[in-house]
Amino acid sequence: MGRLLKEYLNPVRFILAENYYRINKIVNETKKNGNNYAILVVDEKVEQLNKTTEWFVGDGCYLMTSCYLLSCLFAYHGKDS
């Protein structure tokens, strides 16, 4: 059971908990600041190239890490399939 928890459940639990926190932060900030708040403003993937470093470590951090963690979850799900 310990190996099962370590290899399969703990990484998934971590990814889901962290993504829940980030998405919840995005929703709350959007409700507080409106739909055009900088935390959400990436309409096209090429727009990331024009973002400043401050955006990535500030407002964009939640959006980018949410996308990253979601892709990790999909990769993890397909790992043994």
N, C-alpha and C. Protein backbone atom coordinates (compact mmCIF):
# COMPACT_ATOMS: atom_id res chain seq x y z
N MET A 1 0.82 -1.20 0.00
CA MET A 1 0.00 0.00 0.00
C MET A 1 0.86 1.26 0.00
N GLY A 2 2.01 1.23 0.69
CA GLY A 2 2.89 2.40 0.75
C GLY A 2 3.42 2.79 -0.62
N ARG A 3 3.80 1.79 -1.42
CA ARG A 3 4.30 2.06 -2.77
C ARG A 3 3.19 2.67 -3.64
N LEU A 4 1.99 2.14 -3.51
CA LEU A 4 0.84 2.64 -4.26
C LEU A 4 0.58 4.11 -3.93
N LEU A 5 0.59 4.43 -2.64
CA LEU A 5 0.39 5.83 -2.22
C LEU A 5 1.49 6.73 -2.76
N LYS A 6 2.73 6.28 -2.62
CA LYS A 6 3.87 7.11 -3.02
C LYS A 6 3.90 7.34 -4.53
N GLU A 7 3.68 6.29 -5.30
CA GLU A 7 3.81 6.40 -6.74
C GLU A 7 2.58 6.96 -7.45
N TYR A 8 1.40 6.68 -6.95
CA TYR A 8 0.20 7.03 -7.70
C TYR A 8 -0.68 8.08 -7.02
N LEU A 9 -0.99 7.90 -5.76
CA LEU A 9 -1.97 8.78 -5.13
C LEU A 9 -1.38 10.11 -4.67
N ASN A 10 -0.20 10.11 -4.10
CA ASN A 10 0.38 11.36 -3.60
C ASN A 10 0.63 12.39 -4.70
N PRO A 11 1.22 12.00 -5.84
CA PRO A 11 1.39 13.00 -6.90
C PRO A 11 0.06 13.55 -7.42
N VAL A 12 -0.93 12.70 -7.58
CA VAL A 12 -2.24 13.15 -8.06
C VAL A 12 -2.88 14.06 -7.02
N ARG A 13 -2.80 13.69 -5.78
CA ARG A 13 -3.36 14.51 -4.69
C ARG A 13 -2.70 15.88 -4.67
N PHE A 14 -1.37 15.90 -4.80
CA PHE A 14 -0.64 17.17 -4.82
C PHE A 14 -1.08 18.05 -5.99
N ILE A 15 -1.13 17.46 -7.17
CA ILE A 15 -1.50 18.22 -8.38
C ILE A 15 -2.91 18.78 -8.24
N LEU A 16 -3.85 17.97 -7.78
CA LEU A 16 -5.23 18.42 -7.64
C LEU A 16 -5.38 19.50 -6.58
N ALA A 17 -4.71 19.33 -5.45
CA ALA A 17 -4.81 20.33 -4.37
C ALA A 17 -4.21 21.66 -4.81
N GLU A 18 -3.04 21.61 -5.43
CA GLU A 18 -2.39 22.84 -5.88
C GLU A 18 -3.20 23.53 -6.97
N ASN A 19 -3.73 22.75 -7.90
CA ASN A 19 -4.52 23.35 -8.96
C ASN A 19 -5.83 23.94 -8.43
N TYR A 20 -6.41 23.27 -7.46
CA TYR A 20 -7.63 23.81 -6.84
C TYR A 20 -7.33 25.18 -6.21
N TYR A 21 -6.22 25.27 -5.49
CA TYR A 21 -5.84 26.54 -4.86
C TYR A 21 -5.66 27.63 -5.91
N ARG A 22 -4.95 27.32 -6.97
CA ARG A 22 -4.66 28.32 -8.01
C ARG A 22 -5.93 28.76 -8.74
N ILE A 23 -6.76 27.82 -9.12
CA ILE A 23 -8.00 28.16 -9.83
C ILE A 23 -8.93 28.95 -8.92
N ASN A 24 -8.98 28.59 -7.65
CA ASN A 24 -9.79 29.33 -6.69
C ASN A 24 -9.28 30.77 -6.57
N LYS A 25 -7.98 30.96 -6.56
CA LYS A 25 -7.38 32.30 -6.50
C LYS A 25 -7.76 33.10 -7.75
N ILE A 26 -7.69 32.48 -8.90
CA ILE A 26 -8.06 33.15 -10.15
C ILE A 26 -9.52 33.58 -10.11
N VAL A 27 -10.41 32.68 -9.68
CA VAL A 27 -11.84 33.00 -9.61
C VAL A 27 -12.09 34.15 -8.65
N ASN A 28 -11.48 34.09 -7.46
CA ASN A 28 -11.69 35.14 -6.47
C ASN A 28 -11.15 36.48 -6.93
N GLU A 29 -9.97 36.49 -7.53
CA GLU A 29 -9.39 37.74 -8.01
C GLU A 29 -10.22 38.32 -9.16
N THR A 30 -10.75 37.45 -10.00
CA THR A 30 -11.57 37.90 -11.11
C THR A 30 -12.87 38.51 -10.61
N LYS A 31 -13.48 37.88 -9.61
CA LYS A 31 -14.71 38.45 -9.03
C LYS A 31 -14.43 39.82 -8.42
N LYS A 32 -13.27 39.95 -7.80
CA LYS A 32 -12.93 41.20 -7.13
C LYS A 32 -12.53 42.29 -8.11
N ASN A 33 -11.82 41.93 -9.18
CA ASN A 33 -11.22 42.92 -10.08
C ASN A 33 -11.81 42.96 -11.48
N GLY A 34 -12.75 42.09 -11.80
CA GLY A 34 -13.36 42.09 -13.12
C GLY A 34 -12.72 41.09 -14.06
N ASN A 35 -13.42 40.80 -15.15
CA ASN A 35 -12.97 39.78 -16.10
C ASN A 35 -11.71 40.13 -16.87
N ASN A 36 -11.37 41.39 -16.97
CA ASN A 36 -10.17 41.77 -17.71
C ASN A 36 -8.95 41.92 -16.82
N TYR A 37 -9.05 41.47 -15.61
CA TYR A 37 -7.93 41.54 -14.68
C TYR A 37 -6.73 40.79 -15.27
N ALA A 38 -5.54 41.29 -15.03
CA ALA A 38 -4.32 40.76 -15.65
C ALA A 38 -4.07 39.29 -15.36
N ILE A 39 -4.67 38.76 -14.32
CA ILE A 39 -4.46 37.35 -13.99
C ILE A 39 -5.01 36.43 -15.08
N LEU A 40 -5.95 36.94 -15.88
CA LEU A 40 -6.59 36.13 -16.91
C LEU A 40 -6.24 36.51 -18.33
N VAL A 41 -5.61 37.63 -18.53
CA VAL A 41 -5.51 38.19 -19.87
C VAL A 41 -4.41 37.52 -20.70
N VAL A 42 -4.77 36.45 -21.37
CA VAL A 42 -3.97 35.80 -22.40
C VAL A 42 -4.98 35.22 -23.37
N ASP A 43 -5.29 35.97 -24.40
CA ASP A 43 -6.28 35.51 -25.37
C ASP A 43 -5.68 34.55 -26.40
N GLU A 44 -4.45 34.75 -26.75
CA GLU A 44 -3.76 33.91 -27.72
C GLU A 44 -2.45 33.43 -27.12
N LYS A 45 -2.04 32.20 -27.46
CA LYS A 45 -0.82 31.66 -26.86
C LYS A 45 0.43 32.48 -27.20
N VAL A 46 0.44 33.16 -28.34
CA VAL A 46 1.61 33.97 -28.70
C VAL A 46 1.74 35.21 -27.81
N GLU A 47 0.67 35.59 -27.12
CA GLU A 47 0.73 36.74 -26.22
C GLU A 47 1.71 36.52 -25.08
N GLN A 48 1.97 35.27 -24.74
CA GLN A 48 2.92 34.98 -23.67
C GLN A 48 4.30 35.52 -23.99
N LEU A 49 4.63 35.55 -25.28
CA LEU A 49 5.94 36.05 -25.69
C LEU A 49 6.13 37.52 -25.36
N ASN A 50 5.03 38.27 -25.30
CA ASN A 50 5.11 39.70 -25.03
C ASN A 50 4.95 40.05 -23.56
N LYS A 51 4.72 39.06 -22.72
CA LYS A 51 4.54 39.33 -21.29
C LYS A 51 5.90 39.58 -20.63
N THR A 52 5.89 40.46 -19.66
CA THR A 52 7.12 40.77 -18.93
C THR A 52 7.39 39.70 -17.87
N THR A 53 8.61 39.68 -17.39
CA THR A 53 8.97 38.75 -16.32
C THR A 53 8.11 39.00 -15.09
N GLU A 54 7.80 40.26 -14.83
CA GLU A 54 6.98 40.61 -13.68
C GLU A 54 5.59 39.96 -13.76
N TRP A 55 5.06 39.86 -14.98
CA TRP A 55 3.76 39.23 -15.15
C TRP A 55 3.82 37.75 -14.76
N PHE A 56 4.89 37.07 -15.20
CA PHE A 56 5.02 35.64 -14.92
C PHE A 56 5.22 35.35 -13.44
N VAL A 57 5.88 36.23 -12.73
CA VAL A 57 6.09 36.01 -11.29
C VAL A 57 5.02 36.71 -10.45
N GLY A 58 4.15 37.45 -11.10
CA GLY A 58 3.06 38.13 -10.42
C GLY A 58 1.72 37.54 -10.81
N ASP A 59 0.93 38.35 -11.49
CA ASP A 59 -0.43 37.94 -11.86
C ASP A 59 -0.48 36.67 -12.70
N GLY A 60 0.42 36.53 -13.63
CA GLY A 60 0.39 35.38 -14.54
C GLY A 60 0.81 34.07 -13.91
N CYS A 61 1.41 34.14 -12.74
CA CYS A 61 1.90 32.93 -12.08
C CYS A 61 0.78 31.91 -11.87
N TYR A 62 -0.36 32.38 -11.40
CA TYR A 62 -1.47 31.46 -11.14
C TYR A 62 -1.99 30.82 -12.42
N LEU A 63 -2.08 31.61 -13.47
CA LEU A 63 -2.56 31.08 -14.75
C LEU A 63 -1.58 30.08 -15.34
N MET A 64 -0.31 30.44 -15.37
CA MET A 64 0.70 29.57 -15.98
C MET A 64 0.89 28.28 -15.18
N THR A 65 0.95 28.38 -13.85
CA THR A 65 1.15 27.17 -13.07
C THR A 65 -0.08 26.28 -13.08
N SER A 66 -1.27 26.88 -13.21
CA SER A 66 -2.48 26.07 -13.34
C SER A 66 -2.45 25.26 -14.63
N CYS A 67 -2.03 25.90 -15.71
CA CYS A 67 -1.92 25.20 -17.00
C CYS A 67 -0.86 24.10 -16.91
N TYR A 68 0.26 24.41 -16.28
CA TYR A 68 1.33 23.43 -16.14
C TYR A 68 0.87 22.22 -15.32
N LEU A 69 0.24 22.49 -14.18
CA LEU A 69 -0.22 21.38 -13.33
C LEU A 69 -1.29 20.55 -14.00
N LEU A 70 -2.16 21.18 -14.76
CA LEU A 70 -3.18 20.43 -15.50
C LEU A 70 -2.53 19.53 -16.55
N SER A 71 -1.52 20.04 -17.23
CA SER A 71 -0.83 19.19 -18.22
C SER A 71 -0.07 18.06 -17.52
N CYS A 72 0.47 18.31 -16.32
CA CYS A 72 1.11 17.24 -15.54
C CYS A 72 0.10 16.17 -15.18
N LEU A 73 -1.10 16.59 -14.81
CA LEU A 73 -2.14 15.63 -14.46
C LEU A 73 -2.50 14.75 -15.66
N PHE A 74 -2.65 15.37 -16.83
CA PHE A 74 -2.95 14.59 -18.03
C PHE A 74 -1.80 13.64 -18.37
N ALA A 75 -0.57 14.13 -18.25
CA ALA A 75 0.59 13.28 -18.54
C ALA A 75 0.68 12.13 -17.54
N TYR A 76 0.42 12.43 -16.29
CA TYR A 76 0.46 11.42 -15.26
C TYR A 76 -0.63 10.38 -15.48
N HIS A 77 -1.80 10.83 -15.89
CA HIS A 77 -2.91 9.92 -16.15
C HIS A 77 -2.59 8.96 -17.30
N GLY A 78 -1.94 9.47 -18.33
CA GLY A 78 -1.62 8.65 -19.50
C GLY A 78 -0.34 7.87 -19.39
N LYS A 79 0.37 8.02 -18.28
CA LYS A 79 1.68 7.40 -18.10
C LYS A 79 1.65 5.88 -18.23
N ASP A 80 0.69 5.24 -17.62
CA ASP A 80 0.64 3.78 -17.62
C ASP A 80 -0.48 3.22 -18.49
N SER A 81 -1.16 4.08 -19.22
CA SER A 81 -2.28 3.61 -20.05
C SER A 81 -1.79 3.03 -21.35
